Every structure is written in structure tokens, then in C-alpha cells.
């Protein structure tokens, strides 16, 4: 029996789908909010929510836009990256992974 993964709509965070494969996200129309949106792997959503609840001191978390925060959460949850690999730049007001 294969293990299933859970994915949540990033627009409404209400709709959940399960799949028998592991990827960072799916793109599909959400039956709850009607948007064509990414459904993020639950591990990414969990990491995002943990970072929101306790913003990292090493990163200017509040300056980041939601999509940038999700990108950081995805890299932390699904790669070998750590918070030390990210930097908020003044010029573009964006987050970058080294």
C-alpha cells in the first residue's frame, strides 16, 4: 500500500486533496474558492504556519510577501536549505536563496 500525501489550496487553505505521489505542489482549480491555484504539500503548509506563528529572527519575515514566505517554507521543508541560506535584499525587497 502506497503512502498518500495531502495538499492544501493556497488561496483559501480550506480545500484538501490527497494523492499517492510526493511533489511540492499541484496546480488545479479549487472547488471551494473557484481559483486556479497551487495546492501545496502539507509539509510546506505546516512549515509556513510554524514560521508565521514564530517568525525567525534571522530573517526580516514581516517584510516578505505571502508568496515569498511560502517559497522560503517550501525550500526549508523540501530541500537541505536552512534559514542561513536566505537573505532579504533591499534593492528588490525580495528573498533569495544562496
C-alpha atoms as a PDB file:
ATOM      1  CA  UNK A   1       0.000   0.000   0.000  1.00  0.00           C
ATOM      2  CA  UNK A   2       1.471   3.352  -1.033  1.00  0.00           C
ATOM      3  CA  UNK A   3       1.581   6.338   1.263  1.00  0.00           C
ATOM      4  CA  UNK A   4      -0.629   9.282   0.297  1.00  0.00           C
ATOM      5  CA  UNK A   5       0.279  12.956   0.577  1.00  0.00           C
ATOM      6  CA  UNK A   6      -2.024  15.811   1.457  1.00  0.00           C
ATOM      7  CA  UNK A   7      -2.107  19.103  -0.474  1.00  0.00           C
ATOM      8  CA  UNK A   8      -3.952  22.325   0.534  1.00  0.00           C
ATOM      9  CA  UNK A   9      -5.222  25.184  -1.615  1.00  0.00           C
ATOM     10  CA  UNK A  10      -3.019  28.220  -1.056  1.00  0.00           C
ATOM     11  CA  UNK A  11      -5.848  30.614  -1.841  1.00  0.00           C
ATOM     12  CA  UNK A  12      -8.402  29.515   0.739  1.00  0.00           C
ATOM     13  CA  UNK A  13      -6.418  26.925   2.751  1.00  0.00           C
ATOM     14  CA  UNK A  14      -9.707  25.036   3.168  1.00  0.00           C
ATOM     15  CA  UNK A  15      -9.730  22.568   0.279  1.00  0.00           C
ATOM     16  CA  UNK A  16      -7.595  19.457   0.758  1.00  0.00           C
ATOM     17  CA  UNK A  17      -6.751  16.749  -1.764  1.00  0.00           C
ATOM     18  CA  UNK A  18      -4.706  13.594  -1.344  1.00  0.00           C
ATOM     19  CA  UNK A  19      -2.503  11.944  -3.918  1.00  0.00           C
ATOM     20  CA  UNK A  20      -0.338   8.840  -3.973  1.00  0.00           C
ATOM     21  CA  UNK A  21       2.778  10.790  -5.004  1.00  0.00           C
ATOM     22  CA  UNK A  22       5.036  13.329  -3.340  1.00  0.00           C
ATOM     23  CA  UNK A  23       5.660  16.690  -5.012  1.00  0.00           C
ATOM     24  CA  UNK A  24       5.987  20.250  -3.723  1.00  0.00           C
ATOM     25  CA  UNK A  25       2.639  21.355  -5.144  1.00  0.00           C
ATOM     26  CA  UNK A  26      -0.184  20.699  -7.593  1.00  0.00           C
ATOM     27  CA  UNK A  27      -1.914  23.274  -9.779  1.00  0.00           C
ATOM     28  CA  UNK A  28      -5.656  22.881 -10.150  1.00  0.00           C
ATOM     29  CA  UNK A  29      -8.977  24.638  -9.799  1.00  0.00           C
ATOM     30  CA  UNK A  30     -10.161  24.692  -6.212  1.00  0.00           C
ATOM     31  CA  UNK A  31     -13.769  23.514  -5.862  1.00  0.00           C
ATOM     32  CA  UNK A  32     -14.130  25.557  -2.651  1.00  0.00           C
ATOM     33  CA  UNK A  33     -12.905  29.020  -3.717  1.00  0.00           C
ATOM     34  CA  UNK A  34     -13.002  28.565  -7.507  1.00  0.00           C
ATOM     35  CA  UNK A  35      -9.474  29.842  -8.154  1.00  0.00           C
ATOM     36  CA  UNK A  36      -6.895  28.066 -10.289  1.00  0.00           C
ATOM     37  CA  UNK A  37      -4.285  27.810  -7.596  1.00  0.00           C
ATOM     38  CA  UNK A  38      -1.371  25.880  -6.241  1.00  0.00           C
ATOM     39  CA  UNK A  39      -2.172  23.175  -3.752  1.00  0.00           C
ATOM     40  CA  UNK A  40       0.915  22.980  -1.543  1.00  0.00           C
ATOM     41  CA  UNK A  41       2.248  19.851   0.042  1.00  0.00           C
ATOM     42  CA  UNK A  42       1.056  19.755   3.654  1.00  0.00           C
ATOM     43  CA  UNK A  43       4.662  19.715   4.929  1.00  0.00           C
ATOM     44  CA  UNK A  44       5.166  23.097   3.243  1.00  0.00           C
ATOM     45  CA  UNK A  45       1.941  24.484   4.738  1.00  0.00           C
ATOM     46  CA  UNK A  46       2.949  23.198   8.182  1.00  0.00           C
ATOM     47  CA  UNK A  47       6.358  24.887   7.915  1.00  0.00           C
ATOM     48  CA  UNK A  48       4.732  28.128   6.692  1.00  0.00           C
ATOM     49  CA  UNK A  49       2.303  28.148   9.625  1.00  0.00           C
ATOM     50  CA  UNK A  50       5.139  27.471  12.095  1.00  0.00           C
ATOM     51  CA  UNK A  51       7.153  30.374  10.664  1.00  0.00           C
ATOM     52  CA  UNK A  52       4.105  32.658  10.825  1.00  0.00           C
ATOM     53  CA  UNK A  53       3.484  31.690  14.462  1.00  0.00           C
ATOM     54  CA  UNK A  54       7.120  32.226  15.420  1.00  0.00           C
ATOM     55  CA  UNK A  55       8.869  34.444  12.846  1.00  0.00           C
ATOM     56  CA  UNK A  56      12.579  33.685  12.505  1.00  0.00           C
ATOM     57  CA  UNK A  57      14.872  36.328  13.990  1.00  0.00           C
ATOM     58  CA  UNK A  58      17.466  35.594  11.289  1.00  0.00           C
ATOM     59  CA  UNK A  59      15.159  36.819   8.522  1.00  0.00           C
ATOM     60  CA  UNK A  60      13.104  40.004   8.218  1.00  0.00           C
ATOM     61  CA  UNK A  61       9.965  37.847   7.956  1.00  0.00           C
ATOM     62  CA  UNK A  62       7.398  40.636   8.174  1.00  0.00           C
ATOM     63  CA  UNK A  63       8.838  42.406   5.111  1.00  0.00           C
ATOM     64  CA  UNK A  64       8.196  39.399   2.908  1.00  0.00           C
ATOM     65  CA  UNK A  65       5.051  38.986   0.830  1.00  0.00           C
ATOM     66  CA  UNK A  66       2.961  35.851   1.330  1.00  0.00           C
ATOM     67  CA  UNK A  67       4.304  34.126  -1.813  1.00  0.00           C
ATOM     68  CA  UNK A  68       7.886  34.832  -0.720  1.00  0.00           C
ATOM     69  CA  UNK A  69       7.147  33.358   2.698  1.00  0.00           C
ATOM     70  CA  UNK A  70       5.695  30.271   1.037  1.00  0.00           C
ATOM     71  CA  UNK A  71       8.807  29.952  -1.119  1.00  0.00           C
ATOM     72  CA  UNK A  72      11.011  30.033   1.988  1.00  0.00           C
ATOM     73  CA  UNK A  73       8.754  27.473   3.696  1.00  0.00           C
ATOM     74  CA  UNK A  74       8.895  25.217   0.639  1.00  0.00           C
ATOM     75  CA  UNK A  75      12.706  25.342   0.446  1.00  0.00           C
ATOM     76  CA  UNK A  76      13.048  24.662   4.174  1.00  0.00           C
ATOM     77  CA  UNK A  77      10.550  21.781   4.110  1.00  0.00           C
ATOM     78  CA  UNK A  78      11.631  20.100   0.876  1.00  0.00           C
ATOM     79  CA  UNK A  79      15.364  20.747   0.458  1.00  0.00           C
ATOM     80  CA  UNK A  80      18.533  20.861   2.526  1.00  0.00           C
ATOM     81  CA  UNK A  81      18.313  24.662   2.859  1.00  0.00           C
ATOM     82  CA  UNK A  82      18.360  26.381   6.261  1.00  0.00           C
ATOM     83  CA  UNK A  83      17.417  29.921   7.277  1.00  0.00           C
ATOM     84  CA  UNK A  84      21.085  30.877   6.857  1.00  0.00           C
ATOM     85  CA  UNK A  85      20.686  30.267   3.103  1.00  0.00           C
ATOM     86  CA  UNK A  86      18.169  33.114   2.729  1.00  0.00           C
ATOM     87  CA  UNK A  87      18.645  36.859   2.647  1.00  0.00           C
ATOM     88  CA  UNK A  88      16.121  39.674   2.271  1.00  0.00           C
ATOM     89  CA  UNK A  89      17.573  42.164  -0.178  1.00  0.00           C
ATOM     90  CA  UNK A  90      16.886  45.899  -0.022  1.00  0.00           C
ATOM     91  CA  UNK A  91      17.061  46.554  -3.757  1.00  0.00           C
ATOM     92  CA  UNK A  92      14.329  44.163  -4.870  1.00  0.00           C
ATOM     93  CA  UNK A  93      12.647  43.800  -1.497  1.00  0.00           C
ATOM     94  CA  UNK A  94      12.699  40.082  -2.186  1.00  0.00           C
ATOM     95  CA  UNK A  95      14.031  36.908  -0.652  1.00  0.00           C
ATOM     96  CA  UNK A  96      16.782  34.935  -2.294  1.00  0.00           C
ATOM     97  CA  UNK A  97      18.321  31.582  -1.579  1.00  0.00           C
ATOM     98  CA  UNK A  98      22.098  31.439  -1.907  1.00  0.00           C
END
